[in-house]
Amino acid sequence: MERFGSLTGARVLGIAAIALMIVAAPRLASAQTPPPAAAQAAAPDPLKFTTNAPAIIGWVIKADKAKDFEEFWPALRALIAKSENAELRAYGDTLTKIFKVDQPNFEMGGSQAVQYLMQIDAPSTAHSYNPQVVIYTYLGAGVEGSKLTRAEADPLYKKLTDAFLGVNPLWKLVKIGG
């Protein structure tokens, strides 16, 4: 066996391997360990607009729950109207143009479905159009000091989630011509 000073080749190789592990281990660990949740970029909210250009949101709803979907929006607007936040009340005014598409029911996800379109002439750039965010974040359902209790909010939100099948990609409208 070859000797390096007073060390054998095997010992030198062992010491080199340990040194390499000490140097490389933190890099390997950081490459395998995902960053903490706070450091990860949050996925953008697809129902939050960055411009106030007109937009249309397509809602796909179970046909047998269409009435629940239709009743959800006036109830949500009534809750928003009670808010002391003027900006939130103005946002609530953008939730008024909802149309049912006049076409036969279609199959989606094992259910008969209907399509609704929400026309938003000047979307809020400060608020999401995600009803869950509206109820539980903006209106603070169940949060101490909120006027909206979970007992009031949860059944309303359940009406929507029981009816919901999907949201079509948002259609941001661009005016053409003069």
Protein backbone atom coordinates (compact mmCIF):
# COMPACT_ATOMS: atom_id res chain seq x y z
CA MET A 1 0.00 0.00 0.00
CA GLU A 2 1.33 3.44 -0.87
CA ARG A 3 2.05 5.79 2.00
CA PHE A 4 1.59 9.54 2.23
CA GLY A 5 3.79 10.65 5.05
CA SER A 6 2.63 8.54 7.96
CA LEU A 7 -0.81 7.85 6.39
CA THR A 8 -1.69 4.96 4.14
CA GLY A 9 -3.48 5.55 0.85
CA ALA A 10 -6.68 4.09 2.28
CA ARG A 11 -6.66 6.54 5.18
CA VAL A 12 -5.99 9.48 2.86
CA LEU A 13 -8.84 8.38 0.65
CA GLY A 14 -11.15 8.02 3.70
CA ILE A 15 -10.23 11.49 5.00
CA ALA A 16 -10.76 12.98 1.53
CA ALA A 17 -14.19 11.31 1.29
CA ILE A 18 -15.22 12.68 4.72
CA ALA A 19 -14.03 16.18 3.77
CA LEU A 20 -15.96 16.01 0.51
CA MET A 21 -19.13 14.96 2.37
CA ILE A 22 -18.74 17.84 4.84
CA VAL A 23 -18.42 20.33 1.98
CA ALA A 24 -21.07 18.80 -0.30
CA ALA A 25 -23.72 17.75 2.26
CA PRO A 26 -25.23 21.22 2.77
CA ARG A 27 -25.49 21.72 -0.99
CA LEU A 28 -27.12 18.33 -1.51
CA ALA A 29 -29.53 18.91 1.36
CA SER A 30 -30.53 22.33 0.05
CA ALA A 31 -31.03 20.91 -3.44
CA GLN A 32 -33.33 18.19 -2.10
CA THR A 33 -35.22 20.19 0.52
CA PRO A 34 -37.86 22.53 -0.90
CA PRO A 35 -37.70 26.10 0.36
CA PRO A 36 -40.04 27.03 3.21
CA ALA A 37 -43.58 27.88 2.16
CA ALA A 38 -43.02 31.57 2.85
CA ALA A 39 -40.11 31.59 0.41
CA GLN A 40 -42.06 29.90 -2.37
CA ALA A 41 -43.80 32.21 -4.79
CA ALA A 42 -47.55 32.05 -4.32
CA ALA A 43 -49.47 31.01 -7.41
CA PRO A 44 -51.23 33.98 -8.94
CA ASP A 45 -54.97 34.16 -8.27
CA PRO A 46 -56.63 33.55 -11.67
CA LEU A 47 -59.71 35.47 -10.50
CA LYS A 48 -57.82 38.64 -9.57
CA PHE A 49 -57.37 41.13 -12.37
CA THR A 50 -54.33 43.30 -12.90
CA THR A 51 -56.10 45.80 -15.17
CA ASN A 52 -59.59 47.21 -15.24
CA ALA A 53 -60.13 46.23 -18.89
CA PRO A 54 -63.52 44.55 -19.36
CA ALA A 55 -63.57 40.81 -18.68
CA ILE A 56 -65.87 37.82 -18.72
CA ILE A 57 -65.73 34.89 -16.31
CA GLY A 58 -67.40 31.65 -17.38
CA TRP A 59 -68.85 29.53 -14.57
CA VAL A 60 -69.76 25.88 -15.25
CA ILE A 61 -72.49 24.81 -12.84
CA LYS A 62 -74.36 21.55 -12.18
CA ALA A 63 -77.71 21.86 -13.91
CA ASP A 64 -79.65 20.60 -10.88
CA LYS A 65 -77.92 23.25 -8.70
CA ALA A 66 -78.39 26.20 -11.05
CA LYS A 67 -80.96 27.80 -8.74
CA ASP A 68 -78.48 27.69 -5.84
CA PHE A 69 -75.85 29.37 -8.01
CA GLU A 70 -78.32 32.05 -9.06
CA GLU A 71 -79.36 32.68 -5.43
CA PHE A 72 -75.74 32.87 -4.26
CA TRP A 73 -74.83 36.11 -6.03
CA PRO A 74 -77.59 38.40 -4.66
CA ALA A 75 -76.92 37.00 -1.17
CA LEU A 76 -73.20 37.72 -1.55
CA ARG A 77 -73.89 41.24 -2.85
CA ALA A 78 -76.20 41.86 0.14
CA LEU A 79 -73.40 40.88 2.53
CA ILE A 80 -70.92 43.11 0.69
CA ALA A 81 -73.41 46.01 0.76
CA LYS A 82 -73.39 45.86 4.58
CA SER A 83 -69.61 46.38 4.66
CA GLU A 84 -68.28 49.64 6.06
CA ASN A 85 -65.50 49.51 3.44
CA ALA A 86 -66.54 51.78 0.54
CA GLU A 87 -64.01 50.18 -1.84
CA LEU A 88 -65.44 46.73 -1.09
CA ARG A 89 -68.99 48.00 -1.66
CA ALA A 90 -67.89 49.42 -5.04
CA TYR A 91 -66.39 46.03 -5.86
CA GLY A 92 -69.76 44.43 -4.99
CA ASP A 93 -71.38 46.63 -7.64
CA THR A 94 -69.27 44.85 -10.30
CA LEU A 95 -70.99 41.51 -9.48
CA THR A 96 -74.32 42.37 -11.08
CA LYS A 97 -74.07 41.24 -14.72
CA ILE A 98 -74.46 37.47 -14.63
CA PHE A 99 -76.04 35.68 -17.57
CA LYS A 100 -77.10 32.09 -18.14
CA VAL A 101 -76.00 30.87 -21.56
CA ASP A 102 -79.07 29.86 -23.56
CA GLN A 103 -78.00 26.41 -24.73
CA PRO A 104 -78.93 22.84 -23.86
CA ASN A 105 -77.35 21.27 -20.81
CA PHE A 106 -74.09 19.44 -21.50
CA GLU A 107 -72.17 16.68 -19.74
CA MET A 108 -69.15 17.58 -17.63
CA GLY A 109 -67.47 15.50 -14.96
CA GLY A 110 -70.35 13.04 -14.82
CA SER A 111 -72.96 15.78 -14.29
CA GLN A 112 -75.29 17.70 -16.49
CA ALA A 113 -73.97 21.26 -16.63
CA VAL A 114 -75.03 24.76 -17.54
CA GLN A 115 -72.86 27.74 -18.35
CA TYR A 116 -73.05 31.21 -16.79
CA LEU A 117 -71.10 34.27 -17.84
CA MET A 118 -70.20 37.13 -15.53
CA GLN A 119 -69.58 40.34 -17.44
CA ILE A 120 -67.35 42.75 -15.57
CA ASP A 121 -67.11 46.10 -17.32
CA ALA A 122 -64.40 47.56 -15.06
CA PRO A 123 -62.97 44.81 -12.83
CA SER A 124 -61.51 45.66 -9.47
CA THR A 125 -57.74 45.33 -9.41
CA ALA A 126 -57.79 45.35 -5.62
CA HIS A 127 -60.15 42.41 -5.06
CA SER A 128 -60.32 38.83 -6.31
CA TYR A 129 -63.46 37.49 -7.94
CA ASN A 130 -62.98 34.20 -6.07
CA PRO A 131 -66.09 33.90 -3.84
CA GLN A 132 -64.14 32.05 -1.14
CA VAL A 133 -61.70 34.96 -0.86
CA VAL A 134 -64.60 37.43 -0.78
CA ILE A 135 -66.45 35.64 2.01
CA TYR A 136 -63.61 34.50 4.23
CA THR A 137 -60.99 37.19 3.59
CA TYR A 138 -62.66 40.43 2.53
CA LEU A 139 -65.78 39.95 4.66
CA GLY A 140 -63.80 38.11 7.36
CA ALA A 141 -66.41 35.44 8.00
CA GLY A 142 -65.83 34.01 11.45
CA VAL A 143 -62.97 36.36 12.27
CA GLU A 144 -63.24 38.07 15.63
CA GLY A 145 -64.87 41.47 15.18
CA SER A 146 -66.46 40.56 11.84
CA LYS A 147 -70.18 41.10 11.42
CA LEU A 148 -70.36 37.90 9.33
CA THR A 149 -70.34 34.69 11.35
CA ARG A 150 -69.21 31.30 10.06
CA ALA A 151 -72.74 30.05 10.79
CA GLU A 152 -74.03 32.57 8.22
CA ALA A 153 -71.19 32.25 5.72
CA ASP A 154 -70.64 28.51 5.53
CA PRO A 155 -74.14 27.54 4.27
CA LEU A 156 -73.97 30.30 1.65
CA TYR A 157 -70.55 29.19 0.45
CA LYS A 158 -71.66 25.53 0.48
CA LYS A 159 -74.49 26.41 -1.94
CA LEU A 160 -71.89 27.61 -4.40
CA THR A 161 -69.40 24.77 -3.93
CA ASP A 162 -72.13 22.14 -4.27
CA ALA A 163 -73.16 23.72 -7.59
CA PHE A 164 -69.68 24.39 -8.94
CA LEU A 165 -68.06 22.30 -11.69
CA GLY A 166 -65.48 24.71 -13.08
CA VAL A 167 -64.41 28.15 -14.17
CA ASN A 168 -63.54 28.71 -17.79
CA PRO A 169 -60.37 30.59 -18.52
CA LEU A 170 -60.95 34.28 -18.03
CA TRP A 171 -61.67 36.21 -21.16
CA LYS A 172 -60.02 39.61 -20.92
CA LEU A 173 -61.56 41.81 -23.57
CA VAL A 174 -59.61 44.15 -25.80
CA LYS A 175 -61.56 46.83 -27.64
CA ILE A 176 -60.96 46.92 -31.37
CA GLY A 177 -61.78 49.58 -33.89
CA GLY A 178 -63.02 53.07 -33.14
